[in-house]
Amino acid sequence: MSKNEGETLRKLVKGSGLQVQEFAEKLGMTRQNLNYLFKKDRIGEEVREKTAALLDSSPNELFDKQNVNRNLSADPEKEALRDLVEAQKEIIKNFRQFVTAQLIRSEAFQSETLYRLAEVRLLIDPKKKGAEVSQEVKQYEQGVEDRIKDIQSSLGL
């Protein structure tokens, strides 16, 4: 058995890819109880068995001193992968913010264009003479707003 099973358990939870809360729930305990176990030198056989079952292993394989070092040796690789995933999530978040900013910029440009188009149309269309520019722009803007909403929903924004 490992000298500090709680520390081993903490590393196993971290290496599992699950959040502490999720892992605790799967063990049938609270996050606080699991955090308490991380500080103990020895943990109960029931927790060892449930942990092993969650990780498709045996308690001895996970908590035996010789195996602990071997099991945890992949931690730096898993940490690097986790860091990459977090970086990719940040890139996706920034990309969505960029797309949103571009949509807003595009909407402003289109609004200005539509206003100018409405002014020109009122000047050259005899049926529209005397009509308000704002009414004409409203008709155009509604179509643009509908298209922007469609784009945003398709991008999940």
C-alpha atoms as a PDB file:
ATOM      1  CA  MET A   1       0.000   0.000   0.000  1.00  0.00           C
ATOM      2  CA  SER A   2       1.069   3.526  -0.729  1.00  0.00           C
ATOM      3  CA  LYS A   3       2.225   5.556   2.228  1.00  0.00           C
ATOM      4  CA  ASN A   4      -0.188   8.377   1.423  1.00  0.00           C
ATOM      5  CA  GLU A   5      -3.275   6.947  -0.220  1.00  0.00           C
ATOM      6  CA  GLY A   6      -5.092  10.284  -0.056  1.00  0.00           C
ATOM      7  CA  GLU A   7      -2.466  11.934  -2.239  1.00  0.00           C
ATOM      8  CA  THR A   8      -2.625   8.997  -4.623  1.00  0.00           C
ATOM      9  CA  LEU A   9      -6.405   9.329  -4.758  1.00  0.00           C
ATOM     10  CA  ARG A  10      -6.080  13.058  -5.504  1.00  0.00           C
ATOM     11  CA  LYS A  11      -3.712  12.337  -8.401  1.00  0.00           C
ATOM     12  CA  LEU A  12      -5.981   9.594  -9.721  1.00  0.00           C
ATOM     13  CA  VAL A  13      -8.980  11.931  -9.647  1.00  0.00           C
ATOM     14  CA  LYS A  14      -6.962  14.627 -11.399  1.00  0.00           C
ATOM     15  CA  GLY A  15      -5.770  12.141 -14.009  1.00  0.00           C
ATOM     16  CA  SER A  16      -9.265  10.776 -14.595  1.00  0.00           C
ATOM     17  CA  GLY A  17     -10.365  13.862 -16.501  1.00  0.00           C
ATOM     18  CA  LEU A  18     -13.365  14.296 -14.201  1.00  0.00           C
ATOM     19  CA  GLN A  19     -13.976  17.254 -11.953  1.00  0.00           C
ATOM     20  CA  VAL A  20     -13.653  16.551  -8.217  1.00  0.00           C
ATOM     21  CA  GLN A  21     -17.410  17.100  -7.830  1.00  0.00           C
ATOM     22  CA  GLU A  22     -18.216  14.555 -10.549  1.00  0.00           C
ATOM     23  CA  PHE A  23     -15.790  11.983  -9.169  1.00  0.00           C
ATOM     24  CA  ALA A  24     -17.185  12.444  -5.657  1.00  0.00           C
ATOM     25  CA  GLU A  25     -20.745  11.924  -6.897  1.00  0.00           C
ATOM     26  CA  LYS A  26     -19.705   8.723  -8.652  1.00  0.00           C
ATOM     27  CA  LEU A  27     -18.189   7.546  -5.367  1.00  0.00           C
ATOM     28  CA  GLY A  28     -21.430   8.438  -3.575  1.00  0.00           C
ATOM     29  CA  MET A  29     -20.029  11.252  -1.460  1.00  0.00           C
ATOM     30  CA  THR A  30     -19.747  15.025  -1.388  1.00  0.00           C
ATOM     31  CA  ARG A  31     -16.895  17.018  -2.858  1.00  0.00           C
ATOM     32  CA  GLN A  32     -15.939  18.092   0.670  1.00  0.00           C
ATOM     33  CA  ASN A  33     -15.654  14.475   1.835  1.00  0.00           C
ATOM     34  CA  LEU A  34     -13.470  13.600  -1.134  1.00  0.00           C
ATOM     35  CA  ASN A  35     -11.239  16.619  -0.487  1.00  0.00           C
ATOM     36  CA  TYR A  36     -10.929  15.437   3.145  1.00  0.00           C
ATOM     37  CA  LEU A  37      -9.814  12.000   1.924  1.00  0.00           C
ATOM     38  CA  PHE A  38      -7.053  13.615  -0.148  1.00  0.00           C
ATOM     39  CA  LYS A  39      -5.379  14.625   3.143  1.00  0.00           C
ATOM     40  CA  LYS A  40      -5.473  11.188   4.748  1.00  0.00           C
ATOM     41  CA  ASP A  41      -2.616   8.692   4.810  1.00  0.00           C
ATOM     42  CA  ARG A  42      -5.016   5.784   4.504  1.00  0.00           C
ATOM     43  CA  ILE A  43      -8.446   5.643   2.917  1.00  0.00           C
ATOM     44  CA  GLY A  44     -11.118   3.008   3.439  1.00  0.00           C
ATOM     45  CA  GLU A  45     -11.300  -0.177   1.424  1.00  0.00           C
ATOM     46  CA  GLU A  46     -14.749   0.781   0.105  1.00  0.00           C
ATOM     47  CA  VAL A  47     -13.415   4.024  -1.395  1.00  0.00           C
ATOM     48  CA  ARG A  48     -10.427   2.195  -2.856  1.00  0.00           C
ATOM     49  CA  GLU A  49     -12.727  -0.378  -4.473  1.00  0.00           C
ATOM     50  CA  LYS A  50     -15.147   2.204  -5.856  1.00  0.00           C
ATOM     51  CA  THR A  51     -12.233   4.243  -7.229  1.00  0.00           C
ATOM     52  CA  ALA A  52     -10.778   1.165  -8.864  1.00  0.00           C
ATOM     53  CA  ALA A  53     -14.157   0.284 -10.377  1.00  0.00           C
ATOM     54  CA  LEU A  54     -14.528   3.818 -11.777  1.00  0.00           C
ATOM     55  CA  LEU A  55     -11.088   3.605 -13.342  1.00  0.00           C
ATOM     56  CA  ASP A  56     -11.496   0.021 -14.578  1.00  0.00           C
ATOM     57  CA  SER A  57      -8.670  -1.246 -12.409  1.00  0.00           C
ATOM     58  CA  SER A  58      -8.050  -3.046  -9.137  1.00  0.00           C
ATOM     59  CA  PRO A  59      -7.456  -1.374  -5.773  1.00  0.00           C
ATOM     60  CA  ASN A  60      -4.021  -2.999  -5.462  1.00  0.00           C
ATOM     61  CA  GLU A  61      -2.999  -1.837  -8.921  1.00  0.00           C
ATOM     62  CA  LEU A  62      -3.973   1.755  -8.150  1.00  0.00           C
ATOM     63  CA  PHE A  63      -2.838   2.039  -4.543  1.00  0.00           C
ATOM     64  CA  ASP A  64       0.081  -0.406  -4.328  1.00  0.00           C
ATOM     65  CA  LYS A  65       3.295   1.565  -3.784  1.00  0.00           C
ATOM     66  CA  GLN A  66       5.143   0.083  -6.762  1.00  0.00           C
ATOM     67  CA  ASN A  67       2.198   0.716  -9.084  1.00  0.00           C
ATOM     68  CA  VAL A  68       1.480   4.240  -7.903  1.00  0.00           C
ATOM     69  CA  ASN A  69       4.592   5.679  -9.509  1.00  0.00           C
ATOM     70  CA  ARG A  70       3.904   3.827 -12.761  1.00  0.00           C
ATOM     71  CA  ASN A  71       0.214   4.900 -12.814  1.00  0.00           C
ATOM     72  CA  LEU A  72       1.033   8.519 -12.149  1.00  0.00           C
ATOM     73  CA  SER A  73       3.978   8.744 -14.537  1.00  0.00           C
ATOM     74  CA  ALA A  74       1.599   9.709 -17.358  1.00  0.00           C
ATOM     75  CA  ASP A  75       0.381  12.729 -15.386  1.00  0.00           C
ATOM     76  CA  PRO A  76       2.652  15.237 -17.175  1.00  0.00           C
ATOM     77  CA  GLU A  77       1.327  14.033 -20.522  1.00  0.00           C
ATOM     78  CA  LYS A  78      -2.263  14.256 -19.319  1.00  0.00           C
ATOM     79  CA  GLU A  79      -1.565  17.691 -17.893  1.00  0.00           C
ATOM     80  CA  ALA A  80      -0.146  18.831 -21.222  1.00  0.00           C
ATOM     81  CA  LEU A  81      -3.211  17.497 -23.028  1.00  0.00           C
ATOM     82  CA  ARG A  82      -5.517  19.192 -20.522  1.00  0.00           C
ATOM     83  CA  ASP A  83      -3.624  22.451 -21.057  1.00  0.00           C
ATOM     84  CA  LEU A  84      -4.033  22.092 -24.815  1.00  0.00           C
ATOM     85  CA  VAL A  85      -7.762  21.493 -24.458  1.00  0.00           C
ATOM     86  CA  GLU A  86      -8.090  24.557 -22.235  1.00  0.00           C
ATOM     87  CA  ALA A  87      -6.131  26.627 -24.764  1.00  0.00           C
ATOM     88  CA  GLN A  88      -8.417  25.413 -27.548  1.00  0.00           C
ATOM     89  CA  LYS A  89     -11.481  26.343 -25.494  1.00  0.00           C
ATOM     90  CA  GLU A  90     -10.019  29.830 -25.045  1.00  0.00           C
ATOM     91  CA  ILE A  91      -9.385  30.095 -28.796  1.00  0.00           C
ATOM     92  CA  ILE A  92     -12.978  29.081 -29.521  1.00  0.00           C
ATOM     93  CA  LYS A  93     -14.279  31.641 -27.003  1.00  0.00           C
ATOM     94  CA  ASN A  94     -12.136  34.377 -28.564  1.00  0.00           C
ATOM     95  CA  PHE A  95     -13.213  33.332 -32.052  1.00  0.00           C
ATOM     96  CA  ARG A  96     -16.875  33.613 -31.056  1.00  0.00           C
ATOM     97  CA  GLN A  97     -16.230  37.068 -29.623  1.00  0.00           C
ATOM     98  CA  PHE A  98     -14.488  38.029 -32.870  1.00  0.00           C
ATOM     99  CA  VAL A  99     -17.385  36.731 -34.968  1.00  0.00           C
ATOM    100  CA  THR A 100     -19.860  38.623 -32.788  1.00  0.00           C
ATOM    101  CA  ALA A 101     -17.833  41.842 -33.171  1.00  0.00           C
ATOM    102  CA  GLN A 102     -17.703  41.332 -36.935  1.00  0.00           C
ATOM    103  CA  LEU A 103     -21.464  40.793 -37.044  1.00  0.00           C
ATOM    104  CA  ILE A 104     -22.026  44.001 -35.105  1.00  0.00           C
ATOM    105  CA  ARG A 105     -19.635  45.876 -37.410  1.00  0.00           C
ATOM    106  CA  SER A 106     -21.364  44.398 -40.433  1.00  0.00           C
ATOM    107  CA  GLU A 107     -24.763  45.326 -39.038  1.00  0.00           C
ATOM    108  CA  ALA A 108     -23.664  48.945 -38.543  1.00  0.00           C
ATOM    109  CA  PHE A 109     -22.292  49.087 -42.083  1.00  0.00           C
ATOM    110  CA  GLN A 110     -25.461  47.560 -43.483  1.00  0.00           C
ATOM    111  CA  SER A 111     -27.650  49.965 -41.526  1.00  0.00           C
ATOM    112  CA  GLU A 112     -25.760  52.918 -42.993  1.00  0.00           C
ATOM    113  CA  THR A 113     -25.970  51.393 -46.457  1.00  0.00           C
ATOM    114  CA  LEU A 114     -29.685  50.765 -46.089  1.00  0.00           C
ATOM    115  CA  TYR A 115     -30.266  54.336 -44.972  1.00  0.00           C
ATOM    116  CA  ARG A 116     -28.459  55.641 -48.036  1.00  0.00           C
ATOM    117  CA  LEU A 117     -30.351  53.194 -50.264  1.00  0.00           C
ATOM    118  CA  ALA A 118     -33.663  54.342 -48.815  1.00  0.00           C
ATOM    119  CA  GLU A 119     -32.753  57.977 -49.430  1.00  0.00           C
ATOM    120  CA  VAL A 120     -31.866  57.255 -53.054  1.00  0.00           C
ATOM    121  CA  ARG A 121     -34.992  55.181 -53.584  1.00  0.00           C
ATOM    122  CA  LEU A 122     -37.192  57.958 -52.225  1.00  0.00           C
ATOM    123  CA  LEU A 123     -35.538  60.426 -54.581  1.00  0.00           C
ATOM    124  CA  ILE A 124     -35.914  58.356 -57.746  1.00  0.00           C
ATOM    125  CA  ASP A 125     -39.165  56.429 -57.160  1.00  0.00           C
ATOM    126  CA  PRO A 126     -42.155  58.655 -57.928  1.00  0.00           C
ATOM    127  CA  LYS A 127     -44.455  56.435 -55.847  1.00  0.00           C
ATOM    128  CA  LYS A 128     -42.249  56.950 -52.797  1.00  0.00           C
ATOM    129  CA  LYS A 129     -41.948  60.739 -53.013  1.00  0.00           C
ATOM    130  CA  GLY A 130     -42.969  62.333 -49.757  1.00  0.00           C
ATOM    131  CA  ALA A 131     -42.532  59.120 -47.764  1.00  0.00           C
ATOM    132  CA  GLU A 132     -40.344  59.089 -44.680  1.00  0.00           C
ATOM    133  CA  VAL A 133     -36.815  57.775 -45.010  1.00  0.00           C
ATOM    134  CA  SER A 134     -37.122  56.146 -41.599  1.00  0.00           C
ATOM    135  CA  GLN A 135     -40.093  54.033 -42.729  1.00  0.00           C
ATOM    136  CA  GLU A 136     -38.194  52.840 -45.780  1.00  0.00           C
ATOM    137  CA  VAL A 137     -35.094  52.063 -43.686  1.00  0.00           C
ATOM    138  CA  LYS A 138     -37.206  50.107 -41.177  1.00  0.00           C
ATOM    139  CA  GLN A 139     -38.336  47.750 -43.908  1.00  0.00           C
ATOM    140  CA  TYR A 140     -34.772  47.106 -45.012  1.00  0.00           C
ATOM    141  CA  GLU A 141     -33.437  46.813 -41.456  1.00  0.00           C
ATOM    142  CA  GLN A 142     -35.958  44.159 -40.509  1.00  0.00           C
ATOM    143  CA  GLY A 143     -34.689  41.919 -43.282  1.00  0.00           C
ATOM    144  CA  VAL A 144     -31.080  42.483 -42.213  1.00  0.00           C
ATOM    145  CA  GLU A 145     -31.883  41.809 -38.541  1.00  0.00           C
ATOM    146  CA  ASP A 146     -33.582  38.556 -39.453  1.00  0.00           C
ATOM    147  CA  ARG A 147     -30.537  37.454 -41.456  1.00  0.00           C
ATOM    148  CA  ILE A 148     -28.164  38.380 -38.613  1.00  0.00           C
ATOM    149  CA  LYS A 149     -30.244  36.390 -36.123  1.00  0.00           C
ATOM    150  CA  ASP A 150     -30.146  33.392 -38.451  1.00  0.00           C
ATOM    151  CA  ILE A 151     -26.353  33.669 -38.713  1.00  0.00           C
ATOM    152  CA  GLN A 152     -25.944  34.052 -34.950  1.00  0.00           C
ATOM    153  CA  SER A 153     -28.135  31.042 -34.213  1.00  0.00           C
ATOM    154  CA  SER A 154     -26.303  28.934 -36.782  1.00  0.00           C
ATOM    155  CA  LEU A 155     -23.002  29.843 -35.063  1.00  0.00           C
ATOM    156  CA  GLY A 156     -24.453  29.176 -31.625  1.00  0.00           C
ATOM    157  CA  LEU A 157     -24.006  32.778 -30.463  1.00  0.00           C
END
